[in-house]
């Protein structure tokens, strides 16, 4: 029973698929955006079903077509509760934040706009592929399955002998 449960857990885990994403690290100061850094990662990006904000990010292909886009706001507000005043908002003039964007092979650049004015253009980085870890994990999974199979086989043989 435990073997079947473990096998089911392993099979179900293959249906969750991560993808290549780009983490764009931005700096906001007195109304101006600048790029801190960009990172290629392997993970998940938000679905962006709610799109509000004065800034607009677009992933542009080499044919100048928009592949992916969303709206966002700079997270420069802190909401504070106080027992004497009720609530208050602190607006920061300077803040660092990041945006997760899906990676597209055909993308040329990532462009950030504010009110149809282009503020920032970021070259789309190519991800480095490292299949060593993938192979190592695959071999480890096969080894674990083999060990459980051998253990269960020996357990059933011992039960038959008794």
C-alpha atoms as a PDB file:
ATOM      1  CA  UNK A   1       0.000   0.000   0.000  1.00  0.00           C
ATOM      2  CA  UNK A   2       2.810   2.395   0.881  1.00  0.00           C
ATOM      3  CA  UNK A   3       4.545   1.639  -2.420  1.00  0.00           C
ATOM      4  CA  UNK A   4       1.384   2.447  -4.381  1.00  0.00           C
ATOM      5  CA  UNK A   5       0.937   5.703  -2.491  1.00  0.00           C
ATOM      6  CA  UNK A   6       4.554   6.703  -3.109  1.00  0.00           C
ATOM      7  CA  UNK A   7       4.268   5.803  -6.783  1.00  0.00           C
ATOM      8  CA  UNK A   8       1.062   7.856  -7.100  1.00  0.00           C
ATOM      9  CA  UNK A   9       2.774  10.813  -5.432  1.00  0.00           C
ATOM     10  CA  UNK A  10       5.717  10.604  -7.850  1.00  0.00           C
ATOM     11  CA  UNK A  11       3.442  10.350 -10.886  1.00  0.00           C
ATOM     12  CA  UNK A  12       1.321  13.331  -9.798  1.00  0.00           C
ATOM     13  CA  UNK A  13       4.397  15.478  -9.231  1.00  0.00           C
ATOM     14  CA  UNK A  14       5.291  15.227 -12.934  1.00  0.00           C
ATOM     15  CA  UNK A  15       2.151  17.172 -13.878  1.00  0.00           C
ATOM     16  CA  UNK A  16       3.389  20.351 -12.176  1.00  0.00           C
ATOM     17  CA  UNK A  17       5.621  22.034 -14.726  1.00  0.00           C
ATOM     18  CA  UNK A  18       7.830  25.016 -14.049  1.00  0.00           C
ATOM     19  CA  UNK A  19       9.127  27.151 -16.889  1.00  0.00           C
ATOM     20  CA  UNK A  20      11.836  29.669 -17.644  1.00  0.00           C
ATOM     21  CA  UNK A  21      11.138  33.099 -16.171  1.00  0.00           C
ATOM     22  CA  UNK A  22      12.976  36.410 -16.107  1.00  0.00           C
ATOM     23  CA  UNK A  23      13.191  38.304 -12.820  1.00  0.00           C
ATOM     24  CA  UNK A  24      13.542  41.996 -13.629  1.00  0.00           C
ATOM     25  CA  UNK A  25      14.887  43.861 -10.599  1.00  0.00           C
ATOM     26  CA  UNK A  26      13.930  47.545 -10.770  1.00  0.00           C
ATOM     27  CA  UNK A  27      14.782  50.669  -8.787  1.00  0.00           C
ATOM     28  CA  UNK A  28      12.230  53.479  -8.345  1.00  0.00           C
ATOM     29  CA  UNK A  29      13.341  56.895  -7.159  1.00  0.00           C
ATOM     30  CA  UNK A  30      11.367  60.158  -7.369  1.00  0.00           C
ATOM     31  CA  UNK A  31       9.192  58.986 -10.269  1.00  0.00           C
ATOM     32  CA  UNK A  32      12.000  57.405 -12.327  1.00  0.00           C
ATOM     33  CA  UNK A  33      12.540  53.702 -13.015  1.00  0.00           C
ATOM     34  CA  UNK A  34      15.928  52.122 -13.638  1.00  0.00           C
ATOM     35  CA  UNK A  35      17.152  48.559 -14.033  1.00  0.00           C
ATOM     36  CA  UNK A  36      19.050  47.002 -11.120  1.00  0.00           C
ATOM     37  CA  UNK A  37      19.573  43.611 -12.694  1.00  0.00           C
ATOM     38  CA  UNK A  38      17.867  40.799 -14.567  1.00  0.00           C
ATOM     39  CA  UNK A  39      18.016  37.115 -13.746  1.00  0.00           C
ATOM     40  CA  UNK A  40      16.999  34.030 -15.681  1.00  0.00           C
ATOM     41  CA  UNK A  41      15.343  31.581 -13.331  1.00  0.00           C
ATOM     42  CA  UNK A  42      13.348  28.397 -13.478  1.00  0.00           C
ATOM     43  CA  UNK A  43       9.992  28.741 -11.750  1.00  0.00           C
ATOM     44  CA  UNK A  44       6.495  30.128 -11.945  1.00  0.00           C
ATOM     45  CA  UNK A  45       5.098  33.539 -12.843  1.00  0.00           C
ATOM     46  CA  UNK A  46       1.795  35.080 -11.675  1.00  0.00           C
ATOM     47  CA  UNK A  47      -1.319  34.658 -13.812  1.00  0.00           C
ATOM     48  CA  UNK A  48      -1.934  38.465 -13.830  1.00  0.00           C
ATOM     49  CA  UNK A  49      -5.713  38.188 -13.993  1.00  0.00           C
ATOM     50  CA  UNK A  50      -6.047  41.544 -12.242  1.00  0.00           C
ATOM     51  CA  UNK A  51      -4.263  44.246 -14.206  1.00  0.00           C
ATOM     52  CA  UNK A  52      -4.214  47.692 -12.679  1.00  0.00           C
ATOM     53  CA  UNK A  53      -1.562  50.353 -12.584  1.00  0.00           C
ATOM     54  CA  UNK A  54      -0.015  53.273 -14.338  1.00  0.00           C
ATOM     55  CA  UNK A  55       2.961  51.299 -15.695  1.00  0.00           C
ATOM     56  CA  UNK A  56       2.799  48.829 -18.578  1.00  0.00           C
ATOM     57  CA  UNK A  57       5.312  46.049 -19.323  1.00  0.00           C
ATOM     58  CA  UNK A  58       5.457  44.390 -22.747  1.00  0.00           C
ATOM     59  CA  UNK A  59       7.578  41.511 -24.036  1.00  0.00           C
ATOM     60  CA  UNK A  60       8.352  42.332 -27.675  1.00  0.00           C
ATOM     61  CA  UNK A  61       9.411  39.847 -30.363  1.00  0.00           C
ATOM     62  CA  UNK A  62      12.075  40.392 -33.015  1.00  0.00           C
ATOM     63  CA  UNK A  63       9.196  41.244 -35.407  1.00  0.00           C
ATOM     64  CA  UNK A  64       8.058  44.028 -32.993  1.00  0.00           C
ATOM     65  CA  UNK A  65       4.915  42.134 -31.997  1.00  0.00           C
ATOM     66  CA  UNK A  66       3.803  42.089 -28.349  1.00  0.00           C
ATOM     67  CA  UNK A  67       4.018  38.529 -27.056  1.00  0.00           C
ATOM     68  CA  UNK A  68       3.033  39.162 -23.431  1.00  0.00           C
ATOM     69  CA  UNK A  69       2.037  42.267 -21.480  1.00  0.00           C
ATOM     70  CA  UNK A  70       0.609  43.411 -18.163  1.00  0.00           C
ATOM     71  CA  UNK A  71      -0.014  46.542 -16.115  1.00  0.00           C
ATOM     72  CA  UNK A  72       1.568  47.180 -12.711  1.00  0.00           C
ATOM     73  CA  UNK A  73       2.081  49.799 -10.034  1.00  0.00           C
ATOM     74  CA  UNK A  74       5.258  50.622  -8.173  1.00  0.00           C
ATOM     75  CA  UNK A  75       4.930  49.139  -4.657  1.00  0.00           C
ATOM     76  CA  UNK A  76       5.899  52.352  -2.877  1.00  0.00           C
ATOM     77  CA  UNK A  77       2.989  52.594  -0.438  1.00  0.00           C
ATOM     78  CA  UNK A  78       2.959  51.258   3.107  1.00  0.00           C
ATOM     79  CA  UNK A  79      -0.387  51.043   4.849  1.00  0.00           C
ATOM     80  CA  UNK A  80      -0.095  51.597   8.615  1.00  0.00           C
ATOM     81  CA  UNK A  81      -2.728  51.040  11.273  1.00  0.00           C
ATOM     82  CA  UNK A  82      -2.574  53.092  14.416  1.00  0.00           C
ATOM     83  CA  UNK A  83      -5.035  53.016  17.278  1.00  0.00           C
ATOM     84  CA  UNK A  84      -5.144  56.807  17.692  1.00  0.00           C
ATOM     85  CA  UNK A  85      -5.559  57.895  14.025  1.00  0.00           C
ATOM     86  CA  UNK A  86      -7.190  54.858  12.481  1.00  0.00           C
ATOM     87  CA  UNK A  87      -5.005  54.293   9.432  1.00  0.00           C
ATOM     88  CA  UNK A  88      -2.380  56.065   7.388  1.00  0.00           C
ATOM     89  CA  UNK A  89      -0.451  55.643   4.149  1.00  0.00           C
ATOM     90  CA  UNK A  90       3.292  56.224   3.881  1.00  0.00           C
ATOM     91  CA  UNK A  91       4.506  56.893   0.321  1.00  0.00           C
ATOM     92  CA  UNK A  92       8.158  56.011  -0.279  1.00  0.00           C
ATOM     93  CA  UNK A  93      10.248  58.080  -2.708  1.00  0.00           C
ATOM     94  CA  UNK A  94      12.773  55.295  -3.205  1.00  0.00           C
ATOM     95  CA  UNK A  95      12.134  51.536  -3.463  1.00  0.00           C
ATOM     96  CA  UNK A  96      13.598  48.404  -5.090  1.00  0.00           C
ATOM     97  CA  UNK A  97      11.226  45.723  -6.398  1.00  0.00           C
ATOM     98  CA  UNK A  98      11.079  42.871  -8.871  1.00  0.00           C
ATOM     99  CA  UNK A  99       8.759  41.641 -11.605  1.00  0.00           C
ATOM    100  CA  UNK A 100       8.521  38.033 -12.792  1.00  0.00           C
ATOM    101  CA  UNK A 101       8.015  37.736 -16.540  1.00  0.00           C
ATOM    102  CA  UNK A 102       7.749  34.500 -18.547  1.00  0.00           C
ATOM    103  CA  UNK A 103      10.695  33.810 -20.844  1.00  0.00           C
ATOM    104  CA  UNK A 104       9.973  33.534 -24.565  1.00  0.00           C
ATOM    105  CA  UNK A 105      12.591  32.195 -26.987  1.00  0.00           C
ATOM    106  CA  UNK A 106      11.457  34.576 -29.752  1.00  0.00           C
ATOM    107  CA  UNK A 107      11.468  37.674 -27.513  1.00  0.00           C
ATOM    108  CA  UNK A 108      13.872  40.471 -28.354  1.00  0.00           C
ATOM    109  CA  UNK A 109      13.340  42.814 -25.427  1.00  0.00           C
ATOM    110  CA  UNK A 110      11.210  43.781 -22.450  1.00  0.00           C
ATOM    111  CA  UNK A 111       9.848  47.330 -22.586  1.00  0.00           C
ATOM    112  CA  UNK A 112       8.294  49.326 -19.732  1.00  0.00           C
ATOM    113  CA  UNK A 113       5.928  52.220 -20.520  1.00  0.00           C
ATOM    114  CA  UNK A 114       4.165  54.920 -18.535  1.00  0.00           C
ATOM    115  CA  UNK A 115       1.289  56.681 -20.305  1.00  0.00           C
ATOM    116  CA  UNK A 116       2.532  55.545 -23.768  1.00  0.00           C
ATOM    117  CA  UNK A 117       6.024  56.898 -23.030  1.00  0.00           C
ATOM    118  CA  UNK A 118       8.809  54.332 -23.204  1.00  0.00           C
ATOM    119  CA  UNK A 119      10.740  54.448 -19.941  1.00  0.00           C
ATOM    120  CA  UNK A 120      13.001  51.438 -20.055  1.00  0.00           C
ATOM    121  CA  UNK A 121      14.127  48.826 -22.587  1.00  0.00           C
ATOM    122  CA  UNK A 122      15.671  45.607 -21.315  1.00  0.00           C
ATOM    123  CA  UNK A 123      17.382  43.121 -23.614  1.00  0.00           C
ATOM    124  CA  UNK A 124      15.923  39.636 -23.289  1.00  0.00           C
ATOM    125  CA  UNK A 125      18.591  37.385 -21.751  1.00  0.00           C
ATOM    126  CA  UNK A 126      19.072  33.844 -23.014  1.00  0.00           C
ATOM    127  CA  UNK A 127      18.795  31.240 -20.242  1.00  0.00           C
ATOM    128  CA  UNK A 128      21.728  28.984 -19.534  1.00  0.00           C
ATOM    129  CA  UNK A 129      20.754  25.356 -19.774  1.00  0.00           C
ATOM    130  CA  UNK A 130      22.267  23.040 -17.217  1.00  0.00           C
ATOM    131  CA  UNK A 131      20.984  19.518 -17.758  1.00  0.00           C
ATOM    132  CA  UNK A 132      23.415  17.967 -15.273  1.00  0.00           C
ATOM    133  CA  UNK A 133      21.032  18.477 -12.333  1.00  0.00           C
ATOM    134  CA  UNK A 134      18.057  17.201 -14.303  1.00  0.00           C
ATOM    135  CA  UNK A 135      19.923  13.995 -15.122  1.00  0.00           C
ATOM    136  CA  UNK A 136      21.070  13.608 -11.529  1.00  0.00           C
ATOM    137  CA  UNK A 137      17.519  13.989 -10.194  1.00  0.00           C
ATOM    138  CA  UNK A 138      16.198  11.514 -12.770  1.00  0.00           C
ATOM    139  CA  UNK A 139      18.817   8.921 -11.799  1.00  0.00           C
ATOM    140  CA  UNK A 140      18.014   9.500  -8.112  1.00  0.00           C
ATOM    141  CA  UNK A 141      14.281   8.924  -8.704  1.00  0.00           C
ATOM    142  CA  UNK A 142      14.963   5.723 -10.640  1.00  0.00           C
ATOM    143  CA  UNK A 143      17.295   4.532  -7.873  1.00  0.00           C
ATOM    144  CA  UNK A 144      14.670   5.206  -5.173  1.00  0.00           C
ATOM    145  CA  UNK A 145      12.015   3.308  -7.150  1.00  0.00           C
ATOM    146  CA  UNK A 146      14.412   0.386  -7.633  1.00  0.00           C
ATOM    147  CA  UNK A 147      15.247   0.265  -3.909  1.00  0.00           C
ATOM    148  CA  UNK A 148      11.553   0.248  -2.949  1.00  0.00           C
ATOM    149  CA  UNK A 149      10.865  -2.463  -5.510  1.00  0.00           C
ATOM    150  CA  UNK A 150      13.709  -4.620  -4.175  1.00  0.00           C
ATOM    151  CA  UNK A 151      12.589  -4.071  -0.575  1.00  0.00           C
ATOM    152  CA  UNK A 152       8.980  -5.010  -1.347  1.00  0.00           C
ATOM    153  CA  UNK A 153      10.041  -8.048  -3.381  1.00  0.00           C
ATOM    154  CA  UNK A 154      12.203  -9.337  -0.518  1.00  0.00           C
ATOM    155  CA  UNK A 155       9.400  -8.706   1.981  1.00  0.00           C
ATOM    156  CA  UNK A 156       6.943 -10.764  -0.060  1.00  0.00           C
ATOM    157  CA  UNK A 157       9.477 -13.612  -0.475  1.00  0.00           C
ATOM    158  CA  UNK A 158      10.037 -13.722   3.283  1.00  0.00           C
ATOM    159  CA  UNK A 159       6.277 -13.865   3.896  1.00  0.00           C
ATOM    160  CA  UNK A 160       5.888 -16.783   1.435  1.00  0.00           C
ATOM    161  CA  UNK A 161       8.637 -18.780   3.180  1.00  0.00           C
ATOM    162  CA  UNK A 162       6.927 -18.503   6.564  1.00  0.00           C
END
